[in-house]
């Protein structure tokens, strides 16, 4: 399962950042997953539940924002979001396209608790 290695790498980053910021606990991890990123969001969630045990993020929630892919037509310039995996312009049906978004796999935000009262 490719998603398990993705989450393992993510947890290394999260733990390093938590240590750097002297956090006592990580409460939320938010990632953006593009439709063409090569990973399945549901499998990431399952892998996260396995990997987080015994870590600083053991009680953390994983928030996954699914990002559709967006294309720009090189012929007419139209942009469109697609979720049907049809690689043709919605406006002119051209297949001369540029991928604008949808391949990303981004750690967007980590929420941590320092254990100290807020000022």
PDB file of N, CA and C in Angstrom:
ATOM      1  N   UNK A   1       0.856  -1.183   0.000  1.00  0.00           N
ATOM      2  CA  UNK A   1       0.000   0.000   0.000  1.00  0.00           C
ATOM      3  C   UNK A   1       0.899   1.243   0.000  1.00  0.00           C
ATOM      4  N   UNK A   2       0.895   1.962  -1.095  1.00  0.00           N
ATOM      5  CA  UNK A   2       1.681   3.180  -1.282  1.00  0.00           C
ATOM      6  C   UNK A   2       1.314   4.238  -0.241  1.00  0.00           C
ATOM      7  N   UNK A   3       0.063   4.300   0.127  1.00  0.00           N
ATOM      8  CA  UNK A   3      -0.417   5.301   1.074  1.00  0.00           C
ATOM      9  C   UNK A   3       0.253   5.165   2.441  1.00  0.00           C
ATOM     10  N   UNK A   4       0.607   3.971   2.821  1.00  0.00           N
ATOM     11  CA  UNK A   4       1.274   3.753   4.105  1.00  0.00           C
ATOM     12  C   UNK A   4       2.635   4.449   4.125  1.00  0.00           C
ATOM     13  N   UNK A   5       3.403   4.365   3.048  1.00  0.00           N
ATOM     14  CA  UNK A   5       4.701   5.042   3.012  1.00  0.00           C
ATOM     15  C   UNK A   5       4.528   6.555   2.946  1.00  0.00           C
ATOM     16  N   UNK A   6       3.468   7.029   2.293  1.00  0.00           N
ATOM     17  CA  UNK A   6       3.185   8.469   2.256  1.00  0.00           C
ATOM     18  C   UNK A   6       2.902   8.978   3.665  1.00  0.00           C
ATOM     19  N   UNK A   7       2.071   8.257   4.400  1.00  0.00           N
ATOM     20  CA  UNK A   7       1.731   8.666   5.772  1.00  0.00           C
ATOM     21  C   UNK A   7       2.945   8.546   6.688  1.00  0.00           C
ATOM     22  N   UNK A   8       3.765   7.528   6.508  1.00  0.00           N
ATOM     23  CA  UNK A   8       4.969   7.389   7.326  1.00  0.00           C
ATOM     24  C   UNK A   8       5.886   8.598   7.125  1.00  0.00           C
ATOM     25  N   UNK A   9       6.045   9.028   5.889  1.00  0.00           N
ATOM     26  CA  UNK A   9       6.843  10.219   5.605  1.00  0.00           C
ATOM     27  C   UNK A   9       6.217  11.466   6.191  1.00  0.00           C
ATOM     28  N   UNK A  10       4.908  11.570   6.090  1.00  0.00           N
ATOM     29  CA  UNK A  10       4.186  12.701   6.660  1.00  0.00           C
ATOM     30  C   UNK A  10       4.402  12.767   8.172  1.00  0.00           C
ATOM     31  N   UNK A  11       4.320  11.628   8.828  1.00  0.00           N
ATOM     32  CA  UNK A  11       4.479  11.597  10.283  1.00  0.00           C
ATOM     33  C   UNK A  11       5.894  11.992  10.697  1.00  0.00           C
ATOM     34  N   UNK A  12       6.899  11.656   9.905  1.00  0.00           N
ATOM     35  CA  UNK A  12       8.262  12.100  10.208  1.00  0.00           C
ATOM     36  C   UNK A  12       8.329  13.627  10.212  1.00  0.00           C
ATOM     37  N   UNK A  13       7.707  14.229   9.212  1.00  0.00           N
ATOM     38  CA  UNK A  13       7.678  15.690   9.119  1.00  0.00           C
ATOM     39  C   UNK A  13       6.912  16.294  10.287  1.00  0.00           C
ATOM     40  N   UNK A  14       5.755  15.737  10.584  1.00  0.00           N
ATOM     41  CA  UNK A  14       4.921  16.238  11.683  1.00  0.00           C
ATOM     42  C   UNK A  14       5.668  16.146  13.003  1.00  0.00           C
ATOM     43  N   UNK A  15       6.298  15.025  13.265  1.00  0.00           N
ATOM     44  CA  UNK A  15       7.029  14.862  14.529  1.00  0.00           C
ATOM     45  C   UNK A  15       8.203  15.831  14.620  1.00  0.00           C
ATOM     46  N   UNK A  16       8.901  16.053  13.515  1.00  0.00           N
ATOM     47  CA  UNK A  16      10.024  17.005  13.519  1.00  0.00           C
ATOM     48  C   UNK A  16       9.531  18.427  13.793  1.00  0.00           C
ATOM     49  N   UNK A  17       8.420  18.806  13.169  1.00  0.00           N
ATOM     50  CA  UNK A  17       7.867  20.146  13.390  1.00  0.00           C
ATOM     51  C   UNK A  17       7.340  20.307  14.814  1.00  0.00           C
ATOM     52  N   UNK A  18       6.720  19.269  15.330  1.00  0.00           N
ATOM     53  CA  UNK A  18       6.216  19.324  16.704  1.00  0.00           C
ATOM     54  C   UNK A  18       7.376  19.473  17.688  1.00  0.00           C
ATOM     55  N   UNK A  19       8.449  18.757  17.457  1.00  0.00           N
ATOM     56  CA  UNK A  19       9.630  18.868  18.322  1.00  0.00           C
ATOM     57  C   UNK A  19      10.225  20.274  18.221  1.00  0.00           C
ATOM     58  N   UNK A  20      10.329  20.779  16.998  1.00  0.00           N
ATOM     59  CA  UNK A  20      10.874  22.121  16.778  1.00  0.00           C
ATOM     60  C   UNK A  20      10.076  23.186  17.514  1.00  0.00           C
ATOM     61  N   UNK A  21       8.758  23.014  17.575  1.00  0.00           N
ATOM     62  CA  UNK A  21       7.878  23.995  18.224  1.00  0.00           C
ATOM     63  C   UNK A  21       7.548  23.624  19.672  1.00  0.00           C
ATOM     64  N   UNK A  22       8.206  22.595  20.174  1.00  0.00           N
ATOM     65  CA  UNK A  22       8.029  22.136  21.560  1.00  0.00           C
ATOM     66  C   UNK A  22       6.573  21.822  21.896  1.00  0.00           C
ATOM     67  N   UNK A  23       5.899  21.218  20.958  1.00  0.00           N
ATOM     68  CA  UNK A  23       4.495  20.858  21.167  1.00  0.00           C
ATOM     69  C   UNK A  23       4.391  19.627  22.058  1.00  0.00           C
ATOM     70  N   UNK A  24       3.336  19.579  22.825  1.00  0.00           N
ATOM     71  CA  UNK A  24       3.050  18.411  23.661  1.00  0.00           C
ATOM     72  C   UNK A  24       2.189  17.402  22.896  1.00  0.00           C
ATOM     73  N   UNK A  25       1.421  17.942  21.935  1.00  0.00           N
ATOM     74  CA  UNK A  25       0.502  17.089  21.191  1.00  0.00           C
ATOM     75  C   UNK A  25       0.165  17.751  19.858  1.00  0.00           C
ATOM     76  N   UNK A  26      -0.023  16.928  18.847  1.00  0.00           N
ATOM     77  CA  UNK A  26      -0.541  17.396  17.562  1.00  0.00           C
ATOM     78  C   UNK A  26      -2.017  17.032  17.549  1.00  0.00           C
ATOM     79  N   UNK A  27      -2.868  18.022  17.244  1.00  0.00           N
ATOM     80  CA  UNK A  27      -4.317  17.788  17.311  1.00  0.00           C
ATOM     81  C   UNK A  27      -4.972  17.644  15.939  1.00  0.00           C
ATOM     82  N   UNK A  28      -4.436  18.329  14.935  1.00  0.00           N
ATOM     83  CA  UNK A  28      -5.018  18.269  13.591  1.00  0.00           C
ATOM     84  C   UNK A  28      -3.897  18.309  12.557  1.00  0.00           C
ATOM     85  N   UNK A  29      -4.035  17.462  11.548  1.00  0.00           N
ATOM     86  CA  UNK A  29      -3.149  17.495  10.393  1.00  0.00           C
ATOM     87  C   UNK A  29      -4.056  17.631   9.171  1.00  0.00           C
ATOM     88  N   UNK A  30      -3.802  18.671   8.377  1.00  0.00           N
ATOM     89  CA  UNK A  30      -4.629  18.911   7.188  1.00  0.00           C
ATOM     90  C   UNK A  30      -3.767  18.769   5.951  1.00  0.00           C
ATOM     91  N   UNK A  31      -4.237  17.945   5.005  1.00  0.00           N
ATOM     92  CA  UNK A  31      -3.520  17.752   3.749  1.00  0.00           C
ATOM     93  C   UNK A  31      -4.456  17.980   2.569  1.00  0.00           C
ATOM     94  N   UNK A  32      -3.854  18.338   1.441  1.00  0.00           N
ATOM     95  CA  UNK A  32      -4.584  18.484   0.180  1.00  0.00           C
ATOM     96  C   UNK A  32      -4.150  17.360  -0.736  1.00  0.00           C
ATOM     97  N   UNK A  33      -5.113  16.636  -1.292  1.00  0.00           N
ATOM     98  CA  UNK A  33      -4.828  15.486  -2.137  1.00  0.00           C
ATOM     99  C   UNK A  33      -5.494  15.687  -3.497  1.00  0.00           C
ATOM    100  N   UNK A  34      -4.669  15.834  -4.521  1.00  0.00           N
ATOM    101  CA  UNK A  34      -5.182  15.998  -5.873  1.00  0.00           C
ATOM    102  C   UNK A  34      -5.717  14.696  -6.439  1.00  0.00           C
ATOM    103  N   UNK A  35      -6.715  14.819  -7.290  1.00  0.00           N
ATOM    104  CA  UNK A  35      -7.346  13.647  -7.903  1.00  0.00           C
ATOM    105  C   UNK A  35      -6.358  12.815  -8.714  1.00  0.00           C
ATOM    106  N   UNK A  36      -5.310  13.447  -9.219  1.00  0.00           N
ATOM    107  CA  UNK A  36      -4.310  12.741 -10.017  1.00  0.00           C
ATOM    108  C   UNK A  36      -2.990  12.557  -9.268  1.00  0.00           C
ATOM    109  N   UNK A  37      -3.037  12.612  -7.939  1.00  0.00           N
ATOM    110  CA  UNK A  37      -1.817  12.529  -7.131  1.00  0.00           C
ATOM    111  C   UNK A  37      -1.257  11.116  -7.043  1.00  0.00           C
ATOM    112  N   UNK A  38      -2.061  10.139  -7.342  1.00  0.00           N
ATOM    113  CA  UNK A  38      -1.607   8.753  -7.260  1.00  0.00           C
ATOM    114  C   UNK A  38      -1.887   8.092  -5.927  1.00  0.00           C
ATOM    115  N   UNK A  39      -2.593   8.800  -5.030  1.00  0.00           N
ATOM    116  CA  UNK A  39      -2.958   8.206  -3.747  1.00  0.00           C
ATOM    117  C   UNK A  39      -4.473   8.270  -3.562  1.00  0.00           C
ATOM    118  N   UNK A  40      -4.974   7.360  -2.758  1.00  0.00           N
ATOM    119  CA  UNK A  40      -6.402   7.287  -2.475  1.00  0.00           C
ATOM    120  C   UNK A  40      -6.639   7.848  -1.072  1.00  0.00           C
ATOM    121  N   UNK A  41      -7.451   8.889  -0.994  1.00  0.00           N
ATOM    122  CA  UNK A  41      -7.687   9.583   0.276  1.00  0.00           C
ATOM    123  C   UNK A  41      -8.156   8.631   1.378  1.00  0.00           C
ATOM    124  N   UNK A  42      -9.051   7.737   1.067  1.00  0.00           N
ATOM    125  CA  UNK A  42      -9.584   6.809   2.068  1.00  0.00           C
ATOM    126  C   UNK A  42      -8.483   5.890   2.606  1.00  0.00           C
ATOM    127  N   UNK A  43      -7.563   5.490   1.749  1.00  0.00           N
ATOM    128  CA  UNK A  43      -6.458   4.640   2.191  1.00  0.00           C
ATOM    129  C   UNK A  43      -5.455   5.433   3.031  1.00  0.00           C
ATOM    130  N   UNK A  44      -5.301   6.733   2.716  1.00  0.00           N
ATOM    131  CA  UNK A  44      -4.459   7.589   3.549  1.00  0.00           C
ATOM    132  C   UNK A  44      -5.018   7.643   4.966  1.00  0.00           C
ATOM    133  N   UNK A  45      -6.317   7.778   5.059  1.00  0.00           N
ATOM    134  CA  UNK A  45      -6.981   7.849   6.367  1.00  0.00           C
ATOM    135  C   UNK A  45      -6.754   6.562   7.160  1.00  0.00           C
ATOM    136  N   UNK A  46      -6.894   5.425   6.508  1.00  0.00           N
ATOM    137  CA  UNK A  46      -6.666   4.136   7.184  1.00  0.00           C
ATOM    138  C   UNK A  46      -5.217   3.990   7.620  1.00  0.00           C
ATOM    139  N   UNK A  47      -4.292   4.380   6.743  1.00  0.00           N
ATOM    140  CA  UNK A  47      -2.870   4.293   7.066  1.00  0.00           C
ATOM    141  C   UNK A  47      -2.534   5.216   8.232  1.00  0.00           C
ATOM    142  N   UNK A  48      -3.145   6.394   8.257  1.00  0.00           N
ATOM    143  CA  UNK A  48      -2.906   7.341   9.337  1.00  0.00           C
ATOM    144  C   UNK A  48      -3.313   6.743  10.678  1.00  0.00           C
ATOM    145  N   UNK A  49      -4.458   6.083  10.707  1.00  0.00           N
ATOM    146  CA  UNK A  49      -4.923   5.455  11.952  1.00  0.00           C
ATOM    147  C   UNK A  49      -3.925   4.416  12.463  1.00  0.00           C
ATOM    148  N   UNK A  50      -3.239   3.718  11.554  1.00  0.00           N
ATOM    149  CA  UNK A  50      -2.246   2.718  11.968  1.00  0.00           C
ATOM    150  C   UNK A  50      -0.946   3.365  12.435  1.00  0.00           C
ATOM    151  N   UNK A  51      -0.475   4.356  11.694  1.00  0.00           N
ATOM    152  CA  UNK A  51       0.845   4.940  11.937  1.00  0.00           C
ATOM    153  C   UNK A  51       0.875   5.875  13.142  1.00  0.00           C
ATOM    154  N   UNK A  52      -0.231   6.528  13.450  1.00  0.00           N
ATOM    155  CA  UNK A  52      -0.223   7.541  14.515  1.00  0.00           C
ATOM    156  C   UNK A  52      -0.138   6.961  15.921  1.00  0.00           C
ATOM    157  N   UNK A  53      -0.403   5.668  16.064  1.00  0.00           N
ATOM    158  CA  UNK A  53      -0.380   5.044  17.397  1.00  0.00           C
ATOM    159  C   UNK A  53       0.996   5.187  18.032  1.00  0.00           C
ATOM    160  N   UNK A  54       0.999   5.689  19.269  1.00  0.00           N
ATOM    161  CA  UNK A  54       2.234   5.844  20.014  1.00  0.00           C
ATOM    162  C   UNK A  54       3.060   7.065  19.625  1.00  0.00           C
ATOM    163  N   UNK A  55       2.496   7.950  18.807  1.00  0.00           N
ATOM    164  CA  UNK A  55       3.217   9.154  18.401  1.00  0.00           C
ATOM    165  C   UNK A  55       2.601  10.385  19.068  1.00  0.00           C
ATOM    166  N   UNK A  56       3.215  11.516  18.841  1.00  0.00           N
ATOM    167  CA  UNK A  56       2.704  12.789  19.356  1.00  0.00           C
ATOM    168  C   UNK A  56       1.363  13.149  18.720  1.00  0.00           C
ATOM    169  N   UNK A  57       1.029  12.480  17.624  1.00  0.00           N
ATOM    170  CA  UNK A  57      -0.234  12.736  16.919  1.00  0.00           C
ATOM    171  C   UNK A  57      -1.249  11.612  17.138  1.00  0.00           C
ATOM    172  N   UNK A  58      -1.083  10.866  18.205  1.00  0.00           N
ATOM    173  CA  UNK A  58      -1.942   9.701  18.444  1.00  0.00           C
ATOM    174  C   UNK A  58      -3.432  10.047  18.479  1.00  0.00           C
ATOM    175  N   UNK A  59      -3.776  11.221  18.996  1.00  0.00           N
ATOM    176  CA  UNK A  59      -5.193  11.616  19.079  1.00  0.00           C
ATOM    177  C   UNK A  59      -5.575  12.631  18.004  1.00  0.00           C
ATOM    178  N   UNK A  60      -4.690  12.868  17.056  1.00  0.00           N
ATOM    179  CA  UNK A  60      -4.931  13.879  16.023  1.00  0.00           C
ATOM    180  C   UNK A  60      -5.965  13.423  15.009  1.00  0.00           C
ATOM    181  N   UNK A  61      -6.635  14.418  14.447  1.00  0.00           N
ATOM    182  CA  UNK A  61      -7.551  14.173  13.342  1.00  0.00           C
ATOM    183  C   UNK A  61      -6.812  14.471  12.041  1.00  0.00           C
ATOM    184  N   UNK A  62      -7.023  13.647  11.048  1.00  0.00           N
ATOM    185  CA  UNK A  62      -6.477  13.891   9.720  1.00  0.00           C
ATOM    186  C   UNK A  62      -7.592  14.458   8.861  1.00  0.00           C
ATOM    187  N   UNK A  63      -7.412  15.696   8.412  1.00  0.00           N
ATOM    188  CA  UNK A  63      -8.384  16.334   7.530  1.00  0.00           C
ATOM    189  C   UNK A  63      -7.826  16.279   6.115  1.00  0.00           C
ATOM    190  N   UNK A  64      -8.612  15.734   5.215  1.00  0.00           N
ATOM    191  CA  UNK A  64      -8.166  15.573   3.835  1.00  0.00           C
ATOM    192  C   UNK A  64      -9.075  16.399   2.930  1.00  0.00           C
ATOM    193  N   UNK A  65      -8.464  17.341   2.224  1.00  0.00           N
ATOM    194  CA  UNK A  65      -9.190  18.112   1.223  1.00  0.00           C
ATOM    195  C   UNK A  65      -8.899  17.485  -0.134  1.00  0.00           C
ATOM    196  N   UNK A  66      -9.932  16.986  -0.770  1.00  0.00           N
ATOM    197  CA  UNK A  66      -9.775  16.378  -2.092  1.00  0.00           C
ATOM    198  C   UNK A  66      -9.842  17.487  -3.146  1.00  0.00           C
ATOM    199  N   UNK A  67      -8.831  17.536  -3.996  1.00  0.00           N
ATOM    200  CA  UNK A  67      -8.719  18.583  -5.004  1.00  0.00           C
ATOM    201  C   UNK A  67      -8.984  17.964  -6.382  1.00  0.00           C
ATOM    202  N   UNK A  68     -10.009  18.446  -7.087  1.00  0.00           N
ATOM    203  CA  UNK A  68     -10.264  17.921  -8.431  1.00  0.00           C
ATOM    204  C   UNK A  68      -9.163  18.392  -9.379  1.00  0.00           C
ATOM    205  N   UNK A  69      -9.085  17.763 -10.540  1.00  0.00           N
ATOM    206  CA  UNK A  69      -8.095  18.267 -11.471  1.00  0.00           C
ATOM    207  C   UNK A  69      -8.712  19.339 -12.344  1.00  0.00           C
ATOM    208  N   UNK A  70      -7.890  20.312 -12.670  1.00  0.00           N
ATOM    209  CA  UNK A  70      -8.319  21.439 -13.474  1.00  0.00           C
ATOM    210  C   UNK A  70      -7.422  21.506 -14.702  1.00  0.00           C
ATOM    211  N   UNK A  71      -8.062  21.728 -15.849  1.00  0.00           N
ATOM    212  CA  UNK A  71      -7.316  21.830 -17.097  1.00  0.00           C
ATOM    213  C   UNK A  71      -7.533  23.188 -17.750  1.00  0.00           C
ATOM    214  N   UNK A  72      -6.552  23.585 -18.538  1.00  0.00           N
ATOM    215  CA  UNK A  72      -6.654  24.807 -19.341  1.00  0.00           C
ATOM    216  C   UNK A  72      -6.454  24.389 -20.790  1.00  0.00           C
ATOM    217  N   UNK A  73      -7.370  24.839 -21.624  1.00  0.00           N
ATOM    218  CA  UNK A  73      -7.315  24.516 -23.038  1.00  0.00           C
ATOM    219  C   UNK A  73      -6.294  25.414 -23.731  1.00  0.00           C
ATOM    220  N   UNK A  74      -5.375  24.811 -24.445  1.00  0.00           N
ATOM    221  CA  UNK A  74      -4.363  25.580 -25.180  1.00  0.00           C
ATOM    222  C   UNK A  74      -4.962  26.200 -26.440  1.00  0.00           C
ATOM    223  N   UNK A  75      -6.095  25.684 -26.888  1.00  0.00           N
ATOM    224  CA  UNK A  75      -6.730  26.209 -28.098  1.00  0.00           C
ATOM    225  C   UNK A  75      -7.578  27.443 -27.829  1.00  0.00           C
ATOM    226  N   UNK A  76      -8.492  27.340 -26.836  1.00  0.00           N
ATOM    227  CA  UNK A  76      -9.413  28.460 -26.583  1.00  0.00           C
ATOM    228  C   UNK A  76      -9.152  29.186 -25.263  1.00  0.00           C
ATOM    229  N   UNK A  77      -8.288  28.629 -24.411  1.00  0.00           N
ATOM    230  CA  UNK A  77      -7.947  29.279 -23.149  1.00  0.00           C
ATOM    231  C   UNK A  77      -8.907  29.010 -22.007  1.00  0.00           C
ATOM    232  N   UNK A  78      -9.970  28.266 -22.251  1.00  0.00           N
ATOM    233  CA  UNK A  78     -10.952  27.983 -21.202  1.00  0.00           C
ATOM    234  C   UNK A  78     -10.345  27.073 -20.131  1.00  0.00           C
ATOM    235  N   UNK A  79     -10.724  27.320 -18.866  1.00  0.00           N
ATOM    236  CA  UNK A  79     -10.330  26.459 -17.761  1.00  0.00           C
ATOM    237  C   UNK A  79     -11.560  25.741 -17.250  1.00  0.00           C
ATOM    238  N   UNK A  80     -11.374  24.490 -16.872  1.00  0.00           N
ATOM    239  CA  UNK A  80     -12.494  23.760 -16.294  1.00  0.00           C
ATOM    240  C   UNK A  80     -11.982  22.720 -15.317  1.00  0.00           C
ATOM    241  N   UNK A  81     -12.778  22.510 -14.256  1.00  0.00           N
ATOM    242  CA  UNK A  81     -12.502  21.444 -13.305  1.00  0.00           C
ATOM    243  C   UNK A  81     -13.171  20.197 -13.839  1.00  0.00           C
ATOM    244  N   UNK A  82     -12.469  19.090 -13.688  1.00  0.00           N
ATOM    245  CA  UNK A  82     -13.028  17.835 -14.177  1.00  0.00           C
ATOM    246  C   UNK A  82     -13.034  16.821 -13.045  1.00  0.00           C
ATOM    247  N   UNK A  83     -14.053  16.020 -12.984  1.00  0.00           N
ATOM    248  CA  UNK A  83     -14.075  14.907 -12.050  1.00  0.00           C
ATOM    249  C   UNK A  83     -14.432  13.616 -12.772  1.00  0.00           C
ATOM    250  N   UNK A  84     -14.558  13.712 -14.085  1.00  0.00           N
ATOM    251  CA  UNK A  84     -14.934  12.548 -14.885  1.00  0.00           C
ATOM    252  C   UNK A  84     -13.759  11.950 -15.647  1.00  0.00           C
ATOM    253  N   UNK A  85     -12.561  12.511 -15.461  1.00  0.00           N
ATOM    254  CA  UNK A  85     -11.339  12.054 -16.099  1.00  0.00           C
ATOM    255  C   UNK A  85     -11.421  12.071 -17.626  1.00  0.00           C
ATOM    256  N   UNK A  86     -12.220  12.983 -18.147  1.00  0.00           N
ATOM    257  CA  UNK A  86     -12.274  13.220 -19.583  1.00  0.00           C
ATOM    258  C   UNK A  86     -11.274  14.320 -19.901  1.00  0.00           C
ATOM    259  N   UNK A  87     -10.269  13.998 -20.663  1.00  0.00           N
ATOM    260  CA  UNK A  87      -9.219  14.956 -20.968  1.00  0.00           C
ATOM    261  C   UNK A  87      -9.514  15.651 -22.293  1.00  0.00           C
ATOM    262  N   UNK A  88     -10.589  16.452 -22.261  1.00  0.00           N
ATOM    263  CA  UNK A  88     -10.979  17.259 -23.410  1.00  0.00           C
ATOM    264  C   UNK A  88     -11.607  18.541 -22.889  1.00  0.00           C
ATOM    265  N   UNK A  89     -11.432  19.619 -23.633  1.00  0.00           N
ATOM    266  CA  UNK A  89     -11.974  20.918 -23.248  1.00  0.00           C
ATOM    267  C   UNK A  89     -13.500  20.865 -23.244  1.00  0.00           C
ATOM    268  N   UNK A  90     -14.084  21.378 -22.175  1.00  0.00           N
ATOM    269  CA  UNK A  90     -15.545  21.418 -22.075  1.00  0.00           C
ATOM    270  C   UNK A  90     -16.128  22.425 -23.060  1.00  0.00           C
ATOM    271  N   UNK A  91     -15.322  23.420 -23.462  1.00  0.00           N
ATOM    272  CA  UNK A  91     -15.810  24.454 -24.369  1.00  0.00           C
ATOM    273  C   UNK A  91     -15.703  24.088 -25.838  1.00  0.00           C
ATOM    274  N   UNK A  92     -14.513  23.633 -26.268  1.00  0.00           N
ATOM    275  CA  UNK A  92     -14.300  23.408 -27.696  1.00  0.00           C
ATOM    276  C   UNK A  92     -13.944  21.972 -28.049  1.00  0.00           C
ATOM    277  N   UNK A  93     -13.866  21.096 -27.056  1.00  0.00           N
ATOM    278  CA  UNK A  93     -13.567  19.673 -27.214  1.00  0.00           C
ATOM    279  C   UNK A  93     -12.120  19.386 -27.633  1.00  0.00           C
ATOM    280  N   UNK A  94     -11.272  20.382 -27.632  1.00  0.00           N
ATOM    281  CA  UNK A  94      -9.866  20.177 -27.974  1.00  0.00           C
ATOM    282  C   UNK A  94      -9.195  19.278 -26.936  1.00  0.00           C
ATOM    283  N   UNK A  95      -8.220  18.525 -27.367  1.00  0.00           N
ATOM    284  CA  UNK A  95      -7.438  17.704 -26.446  1.00  0.00           C
ATOM    285  C   UNK A  95      -6.043  18.301 -26.211  1.00  0.00           C
ATOM    286  N   UNK A  96      -5.837  19.515 -26.679  1.00  0.00           N
ATOM    287  CA  UNK A  96      -4.593  20.245 -26.438  1.00  0.00           C
ATOM    288  C   UNK A  96      -4.742  20.960 -25.098  1.00  0.00           C
ATOM    289  N   UNK A  97      -4.359  20.282 -24.032  1.00  0.00           N
ATOM    290  CA  UNK A  97      -4.648  20.763 -22.685  1.00  0.00           C
ATOM    291  C   UNK A  97      -3.390  20.910 -21.848  1.00  0.00           C
ATOM    292  N   UNK A  98      -3.517  21.756 -20.844  1.00  0.00           N
ATOM    293  CA  UNK A  98      -2.482  21.939 -19.846  1.00  0.00           C
ATOM    294  C   UNK A  98      -3.112  21.641 -18.494  1.00  0.00           C
ATOM    295  N   UNK A  99      -2.446  20.843 -17.686  1.00  0.00           N
ATOM    296  CA  UNK A  99      -2.948  20.519 -16.358  1.00  0.00           C
ATOM    297  C   UNK A  99      -2.619  21.669 -15.408  1.00  0.00           C
ATOM    298  N   UNK A 100      -3.637  22.232 -14.761  1.00  0.00           N
ATOM    299  CA  UNK A 100      -3.458  23.382 -13.871  1.00  0.00           C
ATOM    300  C   UNK A 100      -3.370  22.938 -12.410  1.00  0.00           C
ATOM    301  N   UNK A 101      -4.170  21.976 -12.014  1.00  0.00           N
ATOM    302  CA  UNK A 101      -4.135  21.449 -10.642  1.00  0.00           C
ATOM    303  C   UNK A 101      -4.648  20.031 -10.635  1.00  0.00           C
ATOM    304  N   UNK A 102      -4.315  19.337  -9.562  1.00  0.00           N
ATOM    305  CA  UNK A 102      -4.844  17.989  -9.392  1.00  0.00           C
ATOM    306  C   UNK A 102      -3.790  16.940  -9.100  1.00  0.00           C
ATOM    307  N   UNK A 103      -2.519  17.300  -9.196  1.00  0.00           N
ATOM    308  CA  UNK A 103      -1.457  16.334  -8.907  1.00  0.00           C
ATOM    309  C   UNK A 103      -0.843  16.541  -7.528  1.00  0.00           C
ATOM    310  N   UNK A 104      -1.328  17.542  -6.799  1.00  0.00           N
ATOM    311  CA  UNK A 104      -0.695  17.897  -5.533  1.00  0.00           C
ATOM    312  C   UNK A 104      -0.982  16.909  -4.407  1.00  0.00           C
ATOM    313  N   UNK A 105      -0.022  16.831  -3.519  1.00  0.00           N
ATOM    314  CA  UNK A 105      -0.136  16.118  -2.255  1.00  0.00           C
ATOM    315  C   UNK A 105       0.621  17.002  -1.269  1.00  0.00           C
ATOM    316  N   UNK A 106      -0.128  17.838  -0.548  1.00  0.00           N
ATOM    317  CA  UNK A 106       0.459  18.933   0.225  1.00  0.00           C
ATOM    318  C   UNK A 106       0.053  18.857   1.690  1.00  0.00           C
ATOM    319  N   UNK A 107       1.052  18.962   2.556  1.00  0.00           N
ATOM    320  CA  UNK A 107       0.788  19.149   3.979  1.00  0.00           C
ATOM    321  C   UNK A 107       0.450  20.621   4.139  1.00  0.00           C
ATOM    322  N   UNK A 108      -0.802  20.903   4.414  1.00  0.00           N
ATOM    323  CA  UNK A 108      -1.283  22.275   4.443  1.00  0.00           C
ATOM    324  C   UNK A 108      -1.192  22.915   5.831  1.00  0.00           C
ATOM    325  N   UNK A 109      -1.516  22.157   6.866  1.00  0.00           N
ATOM    326  CA  UNK A 109      -1.557  22.752   8.203  1.00  0.00           C
ATOM    327  C   UNK A 109      -1.400  21.672   9.275  1.00  0.00           C
ATOM    328  N   UNK A 110      -0.711  22.067  10.342  1.00  0.00           N
ATOM    329  CA  UNK A 110      -0.611  21.217  11.525  1.00  0.00           C
ATOM    330  C   UNK A 110      -1.037  22.066  12.712  1.00  0.00           C
ATOM    331  N   UNK A 111      -1.960  21.569  13.510  1.00  0.00           N
ATOM    332  CA  UNK A 111      -2.344  22.243  14.737  1.00  0.00           C
ATOM    333  C   UNK A 111      -1.733  21.487  15.895  1.00  0.00           C
ATOM    334  N   UNK A 112      -1.074  22.247  16.777  1.00  0.00           N
ATOM    335  CA  UNK A 112      -0.372  21.640  17.906  1.00  0.00           C
ATOM    336  C   UNK A 112      -0.810  22.289  19.209  1.00  0.00           C
ATOM    337  N   UNK A 113      -0.656  21.532  20.275  1.00  0.00           N
ATOM    338  CA  UNK A 113      -0.946  22.026  21.616  1.00  0.00           C
ATOM    339  C   UNK A 113       0.363  22.036  22.383  1.00  0.00           C
ATOM    340  N   UNK A 114       0.704  23.208  22.893  1.00  0.00           N
ATOM    341  CA  UNK A 114       1.954  23.347  23.633  1.00  0.00           C
ATOM    342  C   UNK A 114       1.806  22.908  25.098  1.00  0.00           C
ATOM    343  N   UNK A 115       0.574  22.742  25.529  1.00  0.00           N
ATOM    344  CA  UNK A 115       0.338  22.407  26.926  1.00  0.00           C
ATOM    345  C   UNK A 115       0.336  23.610  27.841  1.00  0.00           C
ATOM    346  N   UNK A 116       0.609  24.782  27.275  1.00  0.00           N
ATOM    347  CA  UNK A 116       0.629  26.002  28.057  1.00  0.00           C
ATOM    348  C   UNK A 116      -0.649  26.790  27.801  1.00  0.00           C
ATOM    349  N   UNK A 117      -1.148  27.520  28.813  1.00  0.00           N
ATOM    350  CA  UNK A 117      -2.364  28.306  28.611  1.00  0.00           C
ATOM    351  C   UNK A 117      -2.115  29.436  27.613  1.00  0.00           C
ATOM    352  N   UNK A 118      -3.155  29.713  26.803  1.00  0.00           N
ATOM    353  CA  UNK A 118      -3.049  30.796  25.820  1.00  0.00           C
ATOM    354  C   UNK A 118      -3.113  32.135  26.529  1.00  0.00           C
ATOM    355  N   UNK A 119      -2.425  33.081  25.951  1.00  0.00           N
ATOM    356  CA  UNK A 119      -2.428  34.431  26.535  1.00  0.00           C
ATOM    357  C   UNK A 119      -3.562  35.247  25.982  1.00  0.00           C
TER     358      UNK A 119
END
